[in-house]
Amino acid sequence: MAVGISGLSQLLTLELEDNHFHDGNVSPLAFRNLGKLIYLRLDDNDFRAIPSSLPTSLQELHLSDNRIEVVHAGLLNKTVHLRVLNLSHNKIREDRIAPRAWFHLRKLESLDLSYNKLVHVPSFLPVGLRQLTLHHNQIERIPGYVFGHLKPGLDSLHLSYNRLREDGVSEVSFHGLYHSLTELLLDHNQLRSIPRGIIQLRALQLLRLNHNYISSVPMNSLCDSMSREDSPLLSVHLQYNLIDRRLIPHTALSCIKTYHSVVLRPQKHEQIYE
C-alpha cells in the first residue's frame, strides 16, 4: 500500500479490514500524510507488528484478528491522542510487550487484549486507562500493585475465561482500583474462593464470579461485618460454583441492598427442576 491514500489529507475515518495487508506490503510511510485521521481500522489482516508512522491525530486504532506477536517501544510514541486501542485476537504475550510501549499514551482509556496469549496481567499499563479487556487468555496471576500507578484508575476490568486460581490473586492485586473500579468480571476461571481484596473495592457495582469452583461465601469476603453502610454492589453473580447456600453466614451478604442482586442459583451440584 504505497499509493492510493497519500492524497487524502482531510480523511477522518479509514477502514481497511480483511485486505491481506502485512508488514511487507504496507509502506512505513503509508499513513504519514493523513494528518487529520481519527479512526483507523486494520482488522483481519496479516500484520505481525503495529504499523509504524501512524498519524499523530489518531484517536482510535483497531488491529484485531492479525498475527501480532510483539508490541515494540516507540511505535506508538507519536499517537499521543489515542483513546481506544484494540489488539484482540492476536498472539501477544506479556513478555513481548516493551516496558515503555504505552508510555506516551496518556489519553488511552480503552485497551483490548482479549484472545491473546497472556499468562499474567501486563505491567506498565497506560496511566489513564479506564477499561481493560483481557478475557480469553491464559492468565494465571494478577501481580500485586500492577494497577497502582493508574490515575484515576480502571472503571472496568474484564478477566473472564482465564486460568486464575486463588493463589494468583493477592490482597494487593487490586491496589490502585479501590475507589474507581465499578465492573469486575472474573467468571469462567479456576477460583476456589472469593479473591482477597474484593471487599476493598468501594465503588464496585457489578461482580461476576460465576462458573468457578468457589465453595463458600465467608464473612468479610464481600461485606464488611464492622460497617453498617450499604454496598454499592448492584449485581453479584455466584451461580455455577460449589456453594451450599444453607451455609452462607447471614451477614456475609447483608450489605447488598436487595436480595435479588445476588445470583446464587443454580450451583454445579444442583439438579434444576422446572
C-alpha atoms as a PDB file:
ATOM      1  CA  MET A   1       0.000   0.000   0.000  1.00  0.00           C
ATOM      2  CA  ALA A   2       2.435   2.634  -1.228  1.00  0.00           C
ATOM      3  CA  VAL A   3      -0.098   4.705  -3.154  1.00  0.00           C
ATOM      4  CA  GLY A   4      -3.828   5.300  -3.046  1.00  0.00           C
ATOM      5  CA  ILE A   5      -4.338   7.184   0.215  1.00  0.00           C
ATOM      6  CA  SER A   6      -1.456   9.660   0.204  1.00  0.00           C
ATOM      7  CA  GLY A   7      -3.641  12.421  -1.255  1.00  0.00           C
ATOM      8  CA  LEU A   8      -6.440  12.049   1.289  1.00  0.00           C
ATOM      9  CA  SER A   9      -5.097  14.563   3.764  1.00  0.00           C
ATOM     10  CA  GLN A  10      -8.577  15.518   5.029  1.00  0.00           C
ATOM     11  CA  LEU A  11      -9.655  11.925   5.716  1.00  0.00           C
ATOM     12  CA  LEU A  12     -11.106  11.325   9.193  1.00  0.00           C
ATOM     13  CA  THR A  13     -12.019   7.620   9.036  1.00  0.00           C
ATOM     14  CA  LEU A  14     -10.266   4.779   7.216  1.00  0.00           C
ATOM     15  CA  GLU A  15     -11.425   1.143   7.262  1.00  0.00           C
ATOM     16  CA  LEU A  16      -9.139  -1.393   5.569  1.00  0.00           C
ATOM     17  CA  GLU A  17     -10.095  -4.659   7.249  1.00  0.00           C
ATOM     18  CA  ASP A  18      -9.744  -8.054   5.538  1.00  0.00           C
ATOM     19  CA  ASN A  19      -7.347  -6.980   2.784  1.00  0.00           C
ATOM     20  CA  HIS A  20      -4.378  -9.333   3.306  1.00  0.00           C
ATOM     21  CA  PHE A  21      -2.183  -6.399   4.292  1.00  0.00           C
ATOM     22  CA  HIS A  22       1.022  -7.314   6.115  1.00  0.00           C
ATOM     23  CA  ASP A  23       4.287  -5.712   7.203  1.00  0.00           C
ATOM     24  CA  GLY A  24       5.844  -6.344   3.788  1.00  0.00           C
ATOM     25  CA  ASN A  25       3.233  -4.725   1.551  1.00  0.00           C
ATOM     26  CA  VAL A  26       2.427  -1.625   3.602  1.00  0.00           C
ATOM     27  CA  SER A  27       4.957   1.172   3.304  1.00  0.00           C
ATOM     28  CA  PRO A  28       6.300   2.601   6.599  1.00  0.00           C
ATOM     29  CA  LEU A  29       5.141   5.980   5.258  1.00  0.00           C
ATOM     30  CA  ALA A  30       1.687   4.832   4.125  1.00  0.00           C
ATOM     31  CA  PHE A  31      -0.207   6.852   6.730  1.00  0.00           C
ATOM     32  CA  ARG A  32       2.208   9.776   7.021  1.00  0.00           C
ATOM     33  CA  ASN A  33       0.092  12.330   5.119  1.00  0.00           C
ATOM     34  CA  LEU A  34      -3.226  11.523   6.812  1.00  0.00           C
ATOM     35  CA  GLY A  35      -2.826  14.400   9.218  1.00  0.00           C
ATOM     36  CA  LYS A  36      -6.477  14.532  10.319  1.00  0.00           C
ATOM     37  CA  LEU A  37      -7.200  10.812  10.584  1.00  0.00           C
ATOM     38  CA  ILE A  38      -9.069   9.973  13.798  1.00  0.00           C
ATOM     39  CA  TYR A  39     -10.275   6.403  13.234  1.00  0.00           C
ATOM     40  CA  LEU A  40      -8.249   3.582  11.627  1.00  0.00           C
ATOM     41  CA  ARG A  41      -9.460   0.006  11.266  1.00  0.00           C
ATOM     42  CA  LEU A  42      -6.992  -2.672  10.111  1.00  0.00           C
ATOM     43  CA  ASP A  43      -8.711  -5.790  11.465  1.00  0.00           C
ATOM     44  CA  ASP A  44      -8.476  -9.179   9.738  1.00  0.00           C
ATOM     45  CA  ASN A  45      -5.141  -8.629   8.059  1.00  0.00           C
ATOM     46  CA  ASP A  46      -1.726 -10.272   8.448  1.00  0.00           C
ATOM     47  CA  PHE A  47       0.298  -7.723  10.417  1.00  0.00           C
ATOM     48  CA  ARG A  48       2.905  -9.145  12.800  1.00  0.00           C
ATOM     49  CA  ALA A  49       3.585  -5.760  14.400  1.00  0.00           C
ATOM     50  CA  ILE A  50       1.764  -2.469  14.817  1.00  0.00           C
ATOM     51  CA  PRO A  51       2.346  -0.392  11.656  1.00  0.00           C
ATOM     52  CA  SER A  52       4.798   2.475  12.008  1.00  0.00           C
ATOM     53  CA  SER A  53       4.361   6.197  11.257  1.00  0.00           C
ATOM     54  CA  LEU A  54       0.728   6.337  12.373  1.00  0.00           C
ATOM     55  CA  PRO A  55      -0.832   9.831  12.318  1.00  0.00           C
ATOM     56  CA  THR A  56      -0.477  11.945  15.444  1.00  0.00           C
ATOM     57  CA  SER A  57      -4.184  12.804  15.162  1.00  0.00           C
ATOM     58  CA  LEU A  58      -5.311   9.179  15.605  1.00  0.00           C
ATOM     59  CA  GLN A  59      -7.793   8.562  18.426  1.00  0.00           C
ATOM     60  CA  GLU A  60      -8.995   5.023  17.717  1.00  0.00           C
ATOM     61  CA  LEU A  61      -6.958   2.115  16.316  1.00  0.00           C
ATOM     62  CA  HIS A  62      -8.310  -1.386  15.637  1.00  0.00           C
ATOM     63  CA  LEU A  63      -5.896  -4.223  14.837  1.00  0.00           C
ATOM     64  CA  SER A  64      -7.824  -7.300  15.935  1.00  0.00           C
ATOM     65  CA  ASP A  65      -7.504 -10.608  14.090  1.00  0.00           C
ATOM     66  CA  ASN A  66      -3.953 -10.125  12.874  1.00  0.00           C
ATOM     67  CA  ARG A  67      -0.765 -12.044  13.705  1.00  0.00           C
ATOM     68  CA  ILE A  68       0.771  -9.517  16.060  1.00  0.00           C
ATOM     69  CA  GLU A  69       3.211 -11.142  18.489  1.00  0.00           C
ATOM     70  CA  VAL A  70       5.190  -8.174  19.801  1.00  0.00           C
ATOM     71  CA  VAL A  71       4.476  -4.583  20.832  1.00  0.00           C
ATOM     72  CA  HIS A  72       7.674  -2.610  20.326  1.00  0.00           C
ATOM     73  CA  ALA A  73       8.685   0.508  22.228  1.00  0.00           C
ATOM     74  CA  GLY A  74       8.445   3.678  20.184  1.00  0.00           C
ATOM     75  CA  LEU A  75       5.877   2.621  17.590  1.00  0.00           C
ATOM     76  CA  LEU A  76       3.062   4.483  19.342  1.00  0.00           C
ATOM     77  CA  ASN A  77       5.128   7.381  20.675  1.00  0.00           C
ATOM     78  CA  LYS A  78       3.532   9.946  18.367  1.00  0.00           C
ATOM     79  CA  THR A  79      -0.073   8.794  18.716  1.00  0.00           C
ATOM     80  CA  VAL A  80      -0.485  10.863  21.863  1.00  0.00           C
ATOM     81  CA  HIS A  81      -4.217  11.425  21.258  1.00  0.00           C
ATOM     82  CA  LEU A  82      -5.073   7.713  21.078  1.00  0.00           C
ATOM     83  CA  ARG A  83      -8.065   6.841  23.263  1.00  0.00           C
ATOM     84  CA  VAL A  84      -9.045   3.364  22.054  1.00  0.00           C
ATOM     85  CA  LEU A  85      -6.669   0.536  21.092  1.00  0.00           C
ATOM     86  CA  ASN A  86      -7.977  -2.891  20.091  1.00  0.00           C
ATOM     87  CA  LEU A  87      -5.354  -5.637  19.761  1.00  0.00           C
ATOM     88  CA  SER A  88      -7.666  -8.582  20.405  1.00  0.00           C
ATOM     89  CA  HIS A  89      -7.362 -11.916  18.601  1.00  0.00           C
ATOM     90  CA  ASN A  90      -3.589 -11.772  18.137  1.00  0.00           C
ATOM     91  CA  LYS A  91      -0.636 -13.737  19.567  1.00  0.00           C
ATOM     92  CA  ILE A  92       0.686 -11.285  22.146  1.00  0.00           C
ATOM     93  CA  ARG A  93       2.434 -12.474  25.330  1.00  0.00           C
ATOM     94  CA  GLU A  94       3.137 -10.110  28.203  1.00  0.00           C
ATOM     95  CA  ASP A  95       6.902 -10.636  27.878  1.00  0.00           C
ATOM     96  CA  ARG A  96       6.733  -9.388  24.288  1.00  0.00           C
ATOM     97  CA  ILE A  97       5.257  -6.032  25.302  1.00  0.00           C
ATOM     98  CA  ALA A  98       8.063  -3.488  25.696  1.00  0.00           C
ATOM     99  CA  PRO A  99       8.038  -1.774  29.140  1.00  0.00           C
ATOM    100  CA  ARG A 100       7.637   1.638  27.505  1.00  0.00           C
ATOM    101  CA  ALA A 101       5.282   0.530  24.725  1.00  0.00           C
ATOM    102  CA  TRP A 102       2.369   2.557  26.128  1.00  0.00           C
ATOM    103  CA  PHE A 103       4.391   5.236  27.930  1.00  0.00           C
ATOM    104  CA  HIS A 104       3.285   8.172  25.757  1.00  0.00           C
ATOM    105  CA  LEU A 105      -0.372   7.088  25.537  1.00  0.00           C
ATOM    106  CA  ARG A 106      -1.567   9.197  28.434  1.00  0.00           C
ATOM    107  CA  LYS A 107      -5.014   9.688  26.877  1.00  0.00           C
ATOM    108  CA  LEU A 108      -5.615   5.981  26.232  1.00  0.00           C
ATOM    109  CA  GLU A 109      -8.810   4.949  28.015  1.00  0.00           C
ATOM    110  CA  SER A 110      -9.667   1.569  26.483  1.00  0.00           C
ATOM    111  CA  LEU A 111      -7.248  -1.303  25.786  1.00  0.00           C
ATOM    112  CA  ASP A 112      -8.486  -4.642  24.438  1.00  0.00           C
ATOM    113  CA  LEU A 113      -6.025  -7.542  24.635  1.00  0.00           C
ATOM    114  CA  SER A 114      -8.595 -10.330  24.710  1.00  0.00           C
ATOM    115  CA  TYR A 115      -7.939 -13.567  22.840  1.00  0.00           C
ATOM    116  CA  ASN A 116      -4.153 -13.371  23.071  1.00  0.00           C
ATOM    117  CA  LYS A 117      -1.528 -15.482  24.869  1.00  0.00           C
ATOM    118  CA  LEU A 118      -1.148 -13.570  28.116  1.00  0.00           C
ATOM    119  CA  VAL A 119      -0.261 -15.516  31.274  1.00  0.00           C
ATOM    120  CA  HIS A 120      -0.105 -12.510  33.629  1.00  0.00           C
ATOM    121  CA  VAL A 121      -1.849  -9.155  33.602  1.00  0.00           C
ATOM    122  CA  PRO A 122       0.682  -6.944  31.765  1.00  0.00           C
ATOM    123  CA  SER A 123       2.740  -4.401  33.685  1.00  0.00           C
ATOM    124  CA  PHE A 124       3.378  -0.764  32.716  1.00  0.00           C
ATOM    125  CA  LEU A 125      -0.207  -0.146  31.609  1.00  0.00           C
ATOM    126  CA  PRO A 126      -1.140   3.325  30.282  1.00  0.00           C
ATOM    127  CA  VAL A 127      -1.566   5.665  33.222  1.00  0.00           C
ATOM    128  CA  GLY A 128      -5.022   6.982  32.246  1.00  0.00           C
ATOM    129  CA  LEU A 129      -6.572   3.623  31.332  1.00  0.00           C
ATOM    130  CA  ARG A 130     -10.232   3.144  32.325  1.00  0.00           C
ATOM    131  CA  GLN A 131     -11.293  -0.077  30.539  1.00  0.00           C
ATOM    132  CA  LEU A 132      -9.014  -3.126  30.338  1.00  0.00           C
ATOM    133  CA  THR A 133     -10.307  -6.169  28.456  1.00  0.00           C
ATOM    134  CA  LEU A 134      -8.329  -9.394  28.952  1.00  0.00           C
ATOM    135  CA  HIS A 135     -10.853 -12.198  28.610  1.00  0.00           C
ATOM    136  CA  HIS A 136      -9.986 -15.431  26.788  1.00  0.00           C
ATOM    137  CA  ASN A 137      -6.264 -15.528  27.583  1.00  0.00           C
ATOM    138  CA  GLN A 138      -4.363 -17.970  29.814  1.00  0.00           C
ATOM    139  CA  ILE A 139      -3.926 -15.529  32.694  1.00  0.00           C
ATOM    140  CA  GLU A 140      -2.934 -17.209  35.969  1.00  0.00           C
ATOM    141  CA  ARG A 141      -1.911 -14.195  38.030  1.00  0.00           C
ATOM    142  CA  ILE A 142      -2.764 -10.571  38.722  1.00  0.00           C
ATOM    143  CA  PRO A 143       0.567  -9.222  40.031  1.00  0.00           C
ATOM    144  CA  GLY A 144       0.464  -7.090  43.163  1.00  0.00           C
ATOM    145  CA  TYR A 145       0.373  -3.338  42.560  1.00  0.00           C
ATOM    146  CA  VAL A 146       0.105  -3.830  38.771  1.00  0.00           C
ATOM    147  CA  PHE A 147      -2.631  -1.144  38.754  1.00  0.00           C
ATOM    148  CA  GLY A 148      -1.063   1.056  41.427  1.00  0.00           C
ATOM    149  CA  HIS A 149       0.147   3.783  39.049  1.00  0.00           C
ATOM    150  CA  LEU A 150      -3.170   4.318  37.235  1.00  0.00           C
ATOM    151  CA  LYS A 151      -4.877   7.680  37.671  1.00  0.00           C
ATOM    152  CA  PRO A 152      -7.773   7.805  38.470  1.00  0.00           C
ATOM    153  CA  GLY A 153      -7.864   4.014  37.995  1.00  0.00           C
ATOM    154  CA  LEU A 154      -9.757   1.434  35.970  1.00  0.00           C
ATOM    155  CA  ASP A 155     -13.520   1.587  35.753  1.00  0.00           C
ATOM    156  CA  SER A 156     -13.875  -1.851  34.134  1.00  0.00           C
ATOM    157  CA  LEU A 157     -11.683  -4.975  34.326  1.00  0.00           C
ATOM    158  CA  HIS A 158     -12.700  -7.983  32.227  1.00  0.00           C
ATOM    159  CA  LEU A 159     -10.824 -11.194  33.103  1.00  0.00           C
ATOM    160  CA  SER A 160     -13.377 -13.855  32.198  1.00  0.00           C
ATOM    161  CA  TYR A 161     -12.312 -17.153  30.629  1.00  0.00           C
ATOM    162  CA  ASN A 162      -8.796 -17.324  32.025  1.00  0.00           C
ATOM    163  CA  ARG A 163      -6.916 -19.639  34.412  1.00  0.00           C
ATOM    164  CA  LEU A 164      -6.986 -17.591  37.591  1.00  0.00           C
ATOM    165  CA  ARG A 165      -6.717 -19.511  40.857  1.00  0.00           C
ATOM    166  CA  GLU A 166      -6.921 -18.094  44.364  1.00  0.00           C
ATOM    167  CA  ASP A 167      -3.119 -18.103  44.749  1.00  0.00           C
ATOM    168  CA  GLY A 168      -2.855 -15.900  41.659  1.00  0.00           C
ATOM    169  CA  VAL A 169      -4.846 -13.068  43.242  1.00  0.00           C
ATOM    170  CA  SER A 170      -3.339 -11.399  46.318  1.00  0.00           C
ATOM    171  CA  GLU A 171      -4.633  -8.752  48.712  1.00  0.00           C
ATOM    172  CA  VAL A 172      -2.783  -6.080  46.719  1.00  0.00           C
ATOM    173  CA  SER A 173      -3.687  -7.289  43.226  1.00  0.00           C
ATOM    174  CA  PHE A 174      -6.381  -4.594  43.017  1.00  0.00           C
ATOM    175  CA  HIS A 175      -4.332  -1.856  44.662  1.00  0.00           C
ATOM    176  CA  GLY A 176      -4.995   1.374  42.771  1.00  0.00           C
ATOM    177  CA  LEU A 177      -8.580   0.420  41.913  1.00  0.00           C
ATOM    178  CA  TYR A 178     -10.182   0.675  45.351  1.00  0.00           C
ATOM    179  CA  HIS A 179     -12.113   3.863  44.559  1.00  0.00           C
ATOM    180  CA  SER A 180     -12.539   3.590  40.779  1.00  0.00           C
ATOM    181  CA  LEU A 181     -13.491   0.042  39.725  1.00  0.00           C
ATOM    182  CA  THR A 182     -17.226  -0.413  39.092  1.00  0.00           C
ATOM    183  CA  GLU A 183     -17.157  -3.602  36.993  1.00  0.00           C
ATOM    184  CA  LEU A 184     -15.089  -6.734  37.710  1.00  0.00           C
ATOM    185  CA  LEU A 185     -15.622  -9.858  35.621  1.00  0.00           C
ATOM    186  CA  LEU A 186     -13.872 -12.990  36.923  1.00  0.00           C
ATOM    187  CA  ASP A 187     -16.281 -15.636  35.678  1.00  0.00           C
ATOM    188  CA  HIS A 188     -15.131 -18.856  33.996  1.00  0.00           C
ATOM    189  CA  ASN A 189     -11.840 -19.176  35.871  1.00  0.00           C
ATOM    190  CA  GLN A 190     -10.487 -21.721  38.376  1.00  0.00           C
ATOM    191  CA  LEU A 191     -11.089 -19.825  41.606  1.00  0.00           C
ATOM    192  CA  ARG A 192     -11.874 -21.908  44.693  1.00  0.00           C
ATOM    193  CA  SER A 193     -12.536 -18.946  46.960  1.00  0.00           C
ATOM    194  CA  ILE A 194     -13.644 -15.333  46.646  1.00  0.00           C
ATOM    195  CA  PRO A 195     -10.450 -13.387  45.910  1.00  0.00           C
ATOM    196  CA  ARG A 196      -8.930 -11.337  48.679  1.00  0.00           C
ATOM    197  CA  GLY A 197      -9.112  -7.618  48.129  1.00  0.00           C
ATOM    198  CA  ILE A 198     -12.563  -7.515  46.544  1.00  0.00           C
ATOM    199  CA  ILE A 199     -14.052  -6.181  49.763  1.00  0.00           C
ATOM    200  CA  GLN A 200     -11.805  -3.125  49.407  1.00  0.00           C
ATOM    201  CA  LEU A 201     -13.302  -2.168  46.021  1.00  0.00           C
ATOM    202  CA  ARG A 202     -15.513   0.601  47.384  1.00  0.00           C
ATOM    203  CA  ALA A 203     -17.076   1.618  44.036  1.00  0.00           C
ATOM    204  CA  LEU A 204     -17.820  -1.886  42.712  1.00  0.00           C
ATOM    205  CA  GLN A 205     -21.304  -2.300  41.214  1.00  0.00           C
ATOM    206  CA  LEU A 206     -21.021  -5.442  39.075  1.00  0.00           C
ATOM    207  CA  LEU A 207     -19.142  -8.571  40.174  1.00  0.00           C
ATOM    208  CA  ARG A 208     -19.144 -11.786  38.177  1.00  0.00           C
ATOM    209  CA  LEU A 209     -17.687 -14.868  39.877  1.00  0.00           C
ATOM    210  CA  ASN A 210     -19.927 -17.450  38.256  1.00  0.00           C
ATOM    211  CA  HIS A 211     -18.571 -20.641  36.685  1.00  0.00           C
ATOM    212  CA  ASN A 212     -15.692 -21.127  39.124  1.00  0.00           C
ATOM    213  CA  TYR A 213     -15.116 -23.653  41.930  1.00  0.00           C
ATOM    214  CA  ILE A 214     -15.960 -21.410  44.890  1.00  0.00           C
ATOM    215  CA  SER A 215     -17.293 -23.440  47.829  1.00  0.00           C
ATOM    216  CA  SER A 216     -18.230 -20.772  50.381  1.00  0.00           C
ATOM    217  CA  VAL A 217     -19.088 -17.113  50.953  1.00  0.00           C
ATOM    218  CA  PRO A 218     -17.270 -16.269  54.206  1.00  0.00           C
ATOM    219  CA  MET A 219     -17.887 -13.230  56.345  1.00  0.00           C
ATOM    220  CA  ASN A 220     -15.816 -10.237  55.270  1.00  0.00           C
ATOM    221  CA  SER A 221     -15.322 -11.538  51.745  1.00  0.00           C
ATOM    222  CA  LEU A 222     -17.918  -9.239  50.152  1.00  0.00           C
ATOM    223  CA  CYS A 223     -19.377  -7.309  53.101  1.00  0.00           C
ATOM    224  CA  ASP A 224     -17.539  -5.676  55.985  1.00  0.00           C
ATOM    225  CA  SER A 225     -19.148  -7.042  59.146  1.00  0.00           C
ATOM    226  CA  MET A 226     -17.949  -3.997  61.097  1.00  0.00           C
ATOM    227  CA  SER A 227     -19.683  -1.498  58.801  1.00  0.00           C
ATOM    228  CA  ARG A 228     -23.370  -0.638  58.599  1.00  0.00           C
ATOM    229  CA  GLU A 229     -23.071   1.071  55.230  1.00  0.00           C
ATOM    230  CA  ASP A 230     -24.763  -0.419  52.187  1.00  0.00           C
ATOM    231  CA  SER A 231     -22.514  -1.731  49.452  1.00  0.00           C
ATOM    232  CA  PRO A 232     -22.688  -0.094  46.003  1.00  0.00           C
ATOM    233  CA  LEU A 233     -22.946  -3.620  44.546  1.00  0.00           C
ATOM    234  CA  LEU A 234     -25.958  -3.882  42.256  1.00  0.00           C
ATOM    235  CA  SER A 235     -25.277  -7.295  40.754  1.00  0.00           C
ATOM    236  CA  VAL A 236     -23.281 -10.254  42.127  1.00  0.00           C
ATOM    237  CA  HIS A 237     -23.128 -13.484  40.133  1.00  0.00           C
ATOM    238  CA  LEU A 238     -22.111 -16.597  42.078  1.00  0.00           C
ATOM    239  CA  GLN A 239     -24.040 -19.264  40.194  1.00  0.00           C
ATOM    240  CA  TYR A 240     -22.407 -22.424  38.839  1.00  0.00           C
ATOM    241  CA  ASN A 241     -19.983 -22.788  41.726  1.00  0.00           C
ATOM    242  CA  LEU A 242     -19.915 -25.314  44.593  1.00  0.00           C
ATOM    243  CA  ILE A 243     -21.652 -23.187  47.222  1.00  0.00           C
ATOM    244  CA  ASP A 244     -24.086 -24.649  49.740  1.00  0.00           C
ATOM    245  CA  ARG A 245     -26.464 -21.715  50.199  1.00  0.00           C
ATOM    246  CA  ARG A 246     -27.563 -23.031  53.605  1.00  0.00           C
ATOM    247  CA  LEU A 247     -24.063 -22.460  54.984  1.00  0.00           C
ATOM    248  CA  ILE A 248     -23.724 -18.815  53.964  1.00  0.00           C
ATOM    249  CA  PRO A 249     -23.484 -16.653  57.136  1.00  0.00           C
ATOM    250  CA  HIS A 250     -26.399 -14.260  57.494  1.00  0.00           C
ATOM    251  CA  THR A 251     -24.126 -11.212  57.486  1.00  0.00           C
ATOM    252  CA  ALA A 252     -21.955 -12.342  54.564  1.00  0.00           C
ATOM    253  CA  LEU A 253     -24.232 -10.588  52.058  1.00  0.00           C
ATOM    254  CA  SER A 254     -26.044  -8.185  54.383  1.00  0.00           C
ATOM    255  CA  CYS A 255     -24.508  -5.042  52.889  1.00  0.00           C
ATOM    256  CA  ILE A 256     -26.072  -5.698  49.473  1.00  0.00           C
ATOM    257  CA  LYS A 257     -29.268  -3.676  49.208  1.00  0.00           C
ATOM    258  CA  THR A 258     -31.629  -6.183  47.615  1.00  0.00           C
ATOM    259  CA  TYR A 259     -31.680  -9.965  47.765  1.00  0.00           C
ATOM    260  CA  HIS A 260     -32.313 -10.212  44.030  1.00  0.00           C
ATOM    261  CA  SER A 261     -28.976  -8.518  43.366  1.00  0.00           C
ATOM    262  CA  VAL A 262     -27.196 -11.766  44.290  1.00  0.00           C
ATOM    263  CA  VAL A 263     -27.495 -14.686  41.872  1.00  0.00           C
ATOM    264  CA  LEU A 264     -26.747 -17.995  43.633  1.00  0.00           C
ATOM    265  CA  ARG A 265     -28.797 -20.456  41.609  1.00  0.00           C
ATOM    266  CA  PRO A 266     -28.066 -22.911  40.206  1.00  0.00           C
ATOM    267  CA  GLN A 267     -24.888 -24.381  41.630  1.00  0.00           C
ATOM    268  CA  LYS A 268     -22.913 -27.068  39.818  1.00  0.00           C
ATOM    269  CA  HIS A 269     -24.071 -29.844  42.137  1.00  0.00           C
ATOM    270  CA  GLU A 270     -27.766 -28.944  41.973  1.00  0.00           C
ATOM    271  CA  GLN A 271     -30.405 -30.575  39.808  1.00  0.00           C
ATOM    272  CA  ILE A 272     -32.728 -27.966  38.299  1.00  0.00           C
ATOM    273  CA  TYR A 273     -36.418 -28.721  38.189  1.00  0.00           C
ATOM    274  CA  GLU A 274     -38.677 -26.559  36.080  1.00  0.00           C
END
